[in-house]
Amino acid sequence: MAQTVAVIVGSLRKESFTLKIANALAKLAPPSLKLEIVTLHGLSFFNQDLEANPPADWVSFREKIQASDAVLFVTPEYNRSIPGVLKNAIDVGSRPSGQSSFKTKPIGIVANSPGPLGGVCAAMNLKQILPGYCGPILQQPEIYLNGVGDAFDDKGNLTKEALQKVLKQYIDAYAAHVERHRAVG
């Protein structure tokens, strides 16, 4: 039976490269994984005052994460970090304290940028933020996708062969990571 992976897309832009990468990963995933795209549209800002009676959008987001077997973050890099909307989603999903929806879930991180650095700072920021709130993070291979601006056609299909090869290698390694850790956790 396929493991369900919540793929959290860290961009709200309708034509975001991040969403296109998430969709490409879903197409490239081996049969052992079922990737479900989770966008952050409509997720309200975290406010600790609301924890006792959380908004419905928080509850829905948390339930999606809890129902998954694993979590894959796909993020762009904004100003050498992750987008605020993604940090907000992590705050919503990891609270209340001690009840993180990400707990025990094998984690993957795919960072991207149309620029030359490929989101390396965003990925490093996630690796700083997530420990303590989630399960094991795939450390190798790391994936920082640069120059993604010309990787897709006008329908959002991945056309850059080199990028397709890198994504396939990553999703296969991530599938092995999920299998290894789901058997234990």
C-alpha atoms as a PDB file:
ATOM      1  CA  MET A   1       0.000   0.000   0.000  1.00  0.00           C
ATOM      2  CA  ALA A   2       1.320   3.434  -0.949  1.00  0.00           C
ATOM      3  CA  GLN A   3       2.442   5.833   1.767  1.00  0.00           C
ATOM      4  CA  THR A   4       0.570   9.148   1.686  1.00  0.00           C
ATOM      5  CA  VAL A   5       2.809  12.200   1.531  1.00  0.00           C
ATOM      6  CA  ALA A   6       1.494  15.686   2.300  1.00  0.00           C
ATOM      7  CA  VAL A   7       3.391  17.964  -0.090  1.00  0.00           C
ATOM      8  CA  ILE A   8       3.310  21.424   1.452  1.00  0.00           C
ATOM      9  CA  VAL A   9       3.741  24.100  -1.215  1.00  0.00           C
ATOM     10  CA  GLY A  10       5.400  27.172   0.286  1.00  0.00           C
ATOM     11  CA  SER A  11       4.157  29.664  -2.292  1.00  0.00           C
ATOM     12  CA  LEU A  12       0.753  31.234  -2.862  1.00  0.00           C
ATOM     13  CA  ARG A  13       1.385  32.462  -6.397  1.00  0.00           C
ATOM     14  CA  LYS A  14      -0.995  30.861  -8.901  1.00  0.00           C
ATOM     15  CA  GLU A  15       1.774  30.114 -11.428  1.00  0.00           C
ATOM     16  CA  SER A  16       4.489  29.457  -8.869  1.00  0.00           C
ATOM     17  CA  PHE A  17       7.474  27.349  -9.823  1.00  0.00           C
ATOM     18  CA  THR A  18       7.099  25.701  -6.422  1.00  0.00           C
ATOM     19  CA  LEU A  19       3.621  24.377  -7.226  1.00  0.00           C
ATOM     20  CA  LYS A  20       4.839  23.203 -10.627  1.00  0.00           C
ATOM     21  CA  ILE A  21       7.741  21.363  -8.984  1.00  0.00           C
ATOM     22  CA  ALA A  22       5.360  19.746  -6.479  1.00  0.00           C
ATOM     23  CA  ASN A  23       3.133  18.567  -9.330  1.00  0.00           C
ATOM     24  CA  ALA A  24       6.155  17.252 -11.245  1.00  0.00           C
ATOM     25  CA  LEU A  25       7.276  15.308  -8.160  1.00  0.00           C
ATOM     26  CA  ALA A  26       3.802  13.776  -7.875  1.00  0.00           C
ATOM     27  CA  LYS A  27       4.093  12.524 -11.467  1.00  0.00           C
ATOM     28  CA  LEU A  28       7.611  11.167 -10.907  1.00  0.00           C
ATOM     29  CA  ALA A  29       6.912   9.472  -7.572  1.00  0.00           C
ATOM     30  CA  PRO A  30       7.291   5.702  -7.403  1.00  0.00           C
ATOM     31  CA  PRO A  31       4.177   3.593  -6.733  1.00  0.00           C
ATOM     32  CA  SER A  32       5.155   3.323  -3.051  1.00  0.00           C
ATOM     33  CA  LEU A  33       4.239   7.001  -2.558  1.00  0.00           C
ATOM     34  CA  LYS A  34       0.994   8.874  -3.067  1.00  0.00           C
ATOM     35  CA  LEU A  35       1.713  12.604  -3.093  1.00  0.00           C
ATOM     36  CA  GLU A  36      -1.116  14.934  -2.073  1.00  0.00           C
ATOM     37  CA  ILE A  37      -0.523  18.615  -2.771  1.00  0.00           C
ATOM     38  CA  VAL A  38      -1.332  20.917   0.164  1.00  0.00           C
ATOM     39  CA  THR A  39      -1.471  24.610  -0.653  1.00  0.00           C
ATOM     40  CA  LEU A  40      -1.578  27.268   2.026  1.00  0.00           C
ATOM     41  CA  HIS A  41      -4.316  29.436   0.550  1.00  0.00           C
ATOM     42  CA  GLY A  42      -6.745  30.484   3.266  1.00  0.00           C
ATOM     43  CA  LEU A  43      -4.597  29.369   6.207  1.00  0.00           C
ATOM     44  CA  SER A  44      -5.023  32.146   8.768  1.00  0.00           C
ATOM     45  CA  PHE A  45      -2.174  33.594  10.794  1.00  0.00           C
ATOM     46  CA  PHE A  46      -1.068  31.745  13.875  1.00  0.00           C
ATOM     47  CA  ASN A  47      -2.085  33.468  17.101  1.00  0.00           C
ATOM     48  CA  GLN A  48      -1.537  31.687  20.394  1.00  0.00           C
ATOM     49  CA  ASP A  49      -4.666  33.368  21.778  1.00  0.00           C
ATOM     50  CA  LEU A  50      -6.696  31.100  19.470  1.00  0.00           C
ATOM     51  CA  GLU A  51      -5.133  27.777  20.529  1.00  0.00           C
ATOM     52  CA  ALA A  52      -7.903  26.857  22.971  1.00  0.00           C
ATOM     53  CA  ASN A  53     -10.492  27.218  20.201  1.00  0.00           C
ATOM     54  CA  PRO A  54      -8.560  26.951  16.908  1.00  0.00           C
ATOM     55  CA  PRO A  55     -10.042  28.256  13.657  1.00  0.00           C
ATOM     56  CA  ALA A  56     -11.486  25.657  11.268  1.00  0.00           C
ATOM     57  CA  ASP A  57      -8.697  26.274   8.727  1.00  0.00           C
ATOM     58  CA  TRP A  58      -6.065  25.354  11.347  1.00  0.00           C
ATOM     59  CA  VAL A  59      -7.948  22.182  12.260  1.00  0.00           C
ATOM     60  CA  SER A  60      -8.286  21.199   8.594  1.00  0.00           C
ATOM     61  CA  PHE A  61      -4.587  21.806   7.913  1.00  0.00           C
ATOM     62  CA  ARG A  62      -3.539  19.822  10.981  1.00  0.00           C
ATOM     63  CA  GLU A  63      -5.835  16.946  10.011  1.00  0.00           C
ATOM     64  CA  LYS A  64      -4.275  16.773   6.520  1.00  0.00           C
ATOM     65  CA  ILE A  65      -0.817  16.523   8.043  1.00  0.00           C
ATOM     66  CA  GLN A  66      -1.876  14.015  10.711  1.00  0.00           C
ATOM     67  CA  ALA A  67      -3.568  11.805   8.092  1.00  0.00           C
ATOM     68  CA  SER A  68      -0.360  11.624   6.051  1.00  0.00           C
ATOM     69  CA  ASP A  69       2.463   9.150   6.520  1.00  0.00           C
ATOM     70  CA  ALA A  70       5.151  11.681   5.596  1.00  0.00           C
ATOM     71  CA  VAL A  71       5.633  15.347   4.733  1.00  0.00           C
ATOM     72  CA  LEU A  72       7.537  16.918   1.851  1.00  0.00           C
ATOM     73  CA  PHE A  73       8.174  20.665   1.952  1.00  0.00           C
ATOM     74  CA  VAL A  74       8.599  22.329  -1.450  1.00  0.00           C
ATOM     75  CA  THR A  75       9.642  25.921  -0.998  1.00  0.00           C
ATOM     76  CA  PRO A  76      10.906  28.912  -2.885  1.00  0.00           C
ATOM     77  CA  GLU A  77      13.467  31.204  -1.342  1.00  0.00           C
ATOM     78  CA  TYR A  78      12.358  34.701  -0.398  1.00  0.00           C
ATOM     79  CA  ASN A  79      15.013  37.125   0.837  1.00  0.00           C
ATOM     80  CA  ARG A  80      17.414  34.311   1.829  1.00  0.00           C
ATOM     81  CA  SER A  81      14.751  32.451   3.815  1.00  0.00           C
ATOM     82  CA  ILE A  82      11.437  30.650   3.569  1.00  0.00           C
ATOM     83  CA  PRO A  83       8.241  32.551   2.744  1.00  0.00           C
ATOM     84  CA  GLY A  84       6.253  33.844   5.703  1.00  0.00           C
ATOM     85  CA  VAL A  85       3.266  31.751   4.646  1.00  0.00           C
ATOM     86  CA  LEU A  86       5.324  28.574   5.060  1.00  0.00           C
ATOM     87  CA  LYS A  87       6.640  29.605   8.485  1.00  0.00           C
ATOM     88  CA  ASN A  88       3.041  30.317   9.480  1.00  0.00           C
ATOM     89  CA  ALA A  89       1.985  26.837   8.335  1.00  0.00           C
ATOM     90  CA  ILE A  90       4.769  25.286  10.410  1.00  0.00           C
ATOM     91  CA  ASP A  91       3.627  27.312  13.423  1.00  0.00           C
ATOM     92  CA  VAL A  92       0.002  26.241  12.930  1.00  0.00           C
ATOM     93  CA  GLY A  93       0.902  22.592  12.355  1.00  0.00           C
ATOM     94  CA  SER A  94       3.403  22.294  15.199  1.00  0.00           C
ATOM     95  CA  ARG A  95       1.142  23.688  17.918  1.00  0.00           C
ATOM     96  CA  PRO A  96      -0.110  23.395  20.607  1.00  0.00           C
ATOM     97  CA  SER A  97       3.198  22.688  22.279  1.00  0.00           C
ATOM     98  CA  GLY A  98       3.905  18.964  22.435  1.00  0.00           C
ATOM     99  CA  GLN A  99       1.182  18.122  19.903  1.00  0.00           C
ATOM    100  CA  SER A 100       2.916  18.733  16.598  1.00  0.00           C
ATOM    101  CA  SER A 101       1.106  17.327  13.569  1.00  0.00           C
ATOM    102  CA  PHE A 102       4.558  16.767  12.015  1.00  0.00           C
ATOM    103  CA  LYS A 103       5.771  14.563  14.887  1.00  0.00           C
ATOM    104  CA  THR A 104       7.257  11.243  13.709  1.00  0.00           C
ATOM    105  CA  LYS A 105       6.615  12.060  10.020  1.00  0.00           C
ATOM    106  CA  PRO A 106       9.605  11.478   7.710  1.00  0.00           C
ATOM    107  CA  ILE A 107      10.434  14.857   6.177  1.00  0.00           C
ATOM    108  CA  GLY A 108      11.820  15.912   2.807  1.00  0.00           C
ATOM    109  CA  ILE A 109      12.864  19.392   1.701  1.00  0.00           C
ATOM    110  CA  VAL A 110      12.960  20.615  -1.905  1.00  0.00           C
ATOM    111  CA  ALA A 111      14.051  24.228  -2.334  1.00  0.00           C
ATOM    112  CA  ASN A 112      14.037  26.210  -5.550  1.00  0.00           C
ATOM    113  CA  SER A 113      14.792  29.549  -7.089  1.00  0.00           C
ATOM    114  CA  PRO A 114      14.927  30.990 -10.574  1.00  0.00           C
ATOM    115  CA  GLY A 115      18.284  32.448  -9.479  1.00  0.00           C
ATOM    116  CA  PRO A 116      21.682  30.760  -9.228  1.00  0.00           C
ATOM    117  CA  LEU A 117      21.577  29.634  -5.559  1.00  0.00           C
ATOM    118  CA  GLY A 118      18.583  27.321  -5.896  1.00  0.00           C
ATOM    119  CA  GLY A 119      16.990  28.037  -2.540  1.00  0.00           C
ATOM    120  CA  VAL A 120      19.877  26.767  -0.428  1.00  0.00           C
ATOM    121  CA  CYS A 121      19.208  29.365   2.306  1.00  0.00           C
ATOM    122  CA  ALA A 122      15.520  28.432   2.464  1.00  0.00           C
ATOM    123  CA  ALA A 123      16.390  24.753   2.841  1.00  0.00           C
ATOM    124  CA  MET A 124      18.917  25.500   5.574  1.00  0.00           C
ATOM    125  CA  ASN A 125      16.332  27.611   7.401  1.00  0.00           C
ATOM    126  CA  LEU A 126      13.880  24.708   7.323  1.00  0.00           C
ATOM    127  CA  LYS A 127      16.574  22.417   8.689  1.00  0.00           C
ATOM    128  CA  GLN A 128      16.988  24.878  11.577  1.00  0.00           C
ATOM    129  CA  ILE A 129      13.259  25.298  12.261  1.00  0.00           C
ATOM    130  CA  LEU A 130      11.927  21.738  11.974  1.00  0.00           C
ATOM    131  CA  PRO A 131      13.939  19.584  14.406  1.00  0.00           C
ATOM    132  CA  GLY A 132      11.971  19.068  17.586  1.00  0.00           C
ATOM    133  CA  TYR A 133       8.629  19.333  15.768  1.00  0.00           C
ATOM    134  CA  CYS A 134       8.935  16.587  13.185  1.00  0.00           C
ATOM    135  CA  GLY A 135      10.315  13.191  12.400  1.00  0.00           C
ATOM    136  CA  PRO A 136      13.609  12.453  10.647  1.00  0.00           C
ATOM    137  CA  ILE A 137      14.658  14.830   7.876  1.00  0.00           C
ATOM    138  CA  LEU A 138      16.216  13.349   4.731  1.00  0.00           C
ATOM    139  CA  GLN A 139      19.782  14.686   4.822  1.00  0.00           C
ATOM    140  CA  GLN A 140      21.159  13.206   1.584  1.00  0.00           C
ATOM    141  CA  PRO A 141      20.654  13.795  -1.228  1.00  0.00           C
ATOM    142  CA  GLU A 142      20.073  17.491  -0.755  1.00  0.00           C
ATOM    143  CA  ILE A 143      18.175  19.260  -3.521  1.00  0.00           C
ATOM    144  CA  TYR A 144      18.489  22.946  -4.382  1.00  0.00           C
ATOM    145  CA  LEU A 145      16.918  23.680  -7.738  1.00  0.00           C
ATOM    146  CA  ASN A 146      18.300  26.736  -9.487  1.00  0.00           C
ATOM    147  CA  GLY A 147      17.322  28.261 -12.808  1.00  0.00           C
ATOM    148  CA  VAL A 148      13.772  26.863 -12.641  1.00  0.00           C
ATOM    149  CA  GLY A 149      12.299  29.806 -14.547  1.00  0.00           C
ATOM    150  CA  ASP A 150      12.504  28.064 -17.925  1.00  0.00           C
ATOM    151  CA  ALA A 151      11.849  24.489 -16.771  1.00  0.00           C
ATOM    152  CA  PHE A 152       8.122  24.350 -17.570  1.00  0.00           C
ATOM    153  CA  ASP A 153       5.910  24.818 -20.609  1.00  0.00           C
ATOM    154  CA  ASP A 154       2.840  27.087 -20.663  1.00  0.00           C
ATOM    155  CA  LYS A 155       0.686  24.241 -19.264  1.00  0.00           C
ATOM    156  CA  GLY A 156       2.985  23.757 -16.248  1.00  0.00           C
ATOM    157  CA  ASN A 157       4.596  20.549 -17.520  1.00  0.00           C
ATOM    158  CA  LEU A 158       8.232  19.961 -16.695  1.00  0.00           C
ATOM    159  CA  THR A 159      10.250  20.170 -19.915  1.00  0.00           C
ATOM    160  CA  LYS A 160      13.824  20.554 -18.644  1.00  0.00           C
ATOM    161  CA  GLU A 161      15.279  17.030 -18.855  1.00  0.00           C
ATOM    162  CA  ALA A 162      18.142  17.695 -16.434  1.00  0.00           C
ATOM    163  CA  LEU A 163      15.687  18.912 -13.785  1.00  0.00           C
ATOM    164  CA  GLN A 164      13.432  15.911 -14.366  1.00  0.00           C
ATOM    165  CA  LYS A 165      16.385  13.580 -13.759  1.00  0.00           C
ATOM    166  CA  VAL A 166      17.325  15.358 -10.504  1.00  0.00           C
ATOM    167  CA  LEU A 167      13.716  15.320  -9.261  1.00  0.00           C
ATOM    168  CA  LYS A 168      13.379  11.614 -10.045  1.00  0.00           C
ATOM    169  CA  GLN A 169      16.572  10.801  -8.160  1.00  0.00           C
ATOM    170  CA  TYR A 170      15.366  12.825  -5.187  1.00  0.00           C
ATOM    171  CA  ILE A 171      11.844  11.394  -5.022  1.00  0.00           C
ATOM    172  CA  ASP A 172      13.230   7.852  -5.229  1.00  0.00           C
ATOM    173  CA  ALA A 173      15.652   8.583  -2.361  1.00  0.00           C
ATOM    174  CA  TYR A 174      12.816  10.185  -0.409  1.00  0.00           C
ATOM    175  CA  ALA A 175      10.637   7.089  -0.971  1.00  0.00           C
ATOM    176  CA  ALA A 176      13.405   4.948   0.538  1.00  0.00           C
ATOM    177  CA  HIS A 177      13.670   7.399   3.467  1.00  0.00           C
ATOM    178  CA  VAL A 178       9.915   7.178   4.087  1.00  0.00           C
ATOM    179  CA  GLU A 179       9.951   3.391   3.900  1.00  0.00           C
ATOM    180  CA  ARG A 180      12.925   3.124   6.234  1.00  0.00           C
ATOM    181  CA  HIS A 181      11.382   5.410   8.862  1.00  0.00           C
ATOM    182  CA  ARG A 182       7.746   4.360   8.579  1.00  0.00           C
ATOM    183  CA  ALA A 183       8.785   0.785   9.344  1.00  0.00           C
ATOM    184  CA  VAL A 184      10.396   2.045  12.570  1.00  0.00           C
ATOM    185  CA  GLY A 185       7.932   4.786  13.587  1.00  0.00           C
END
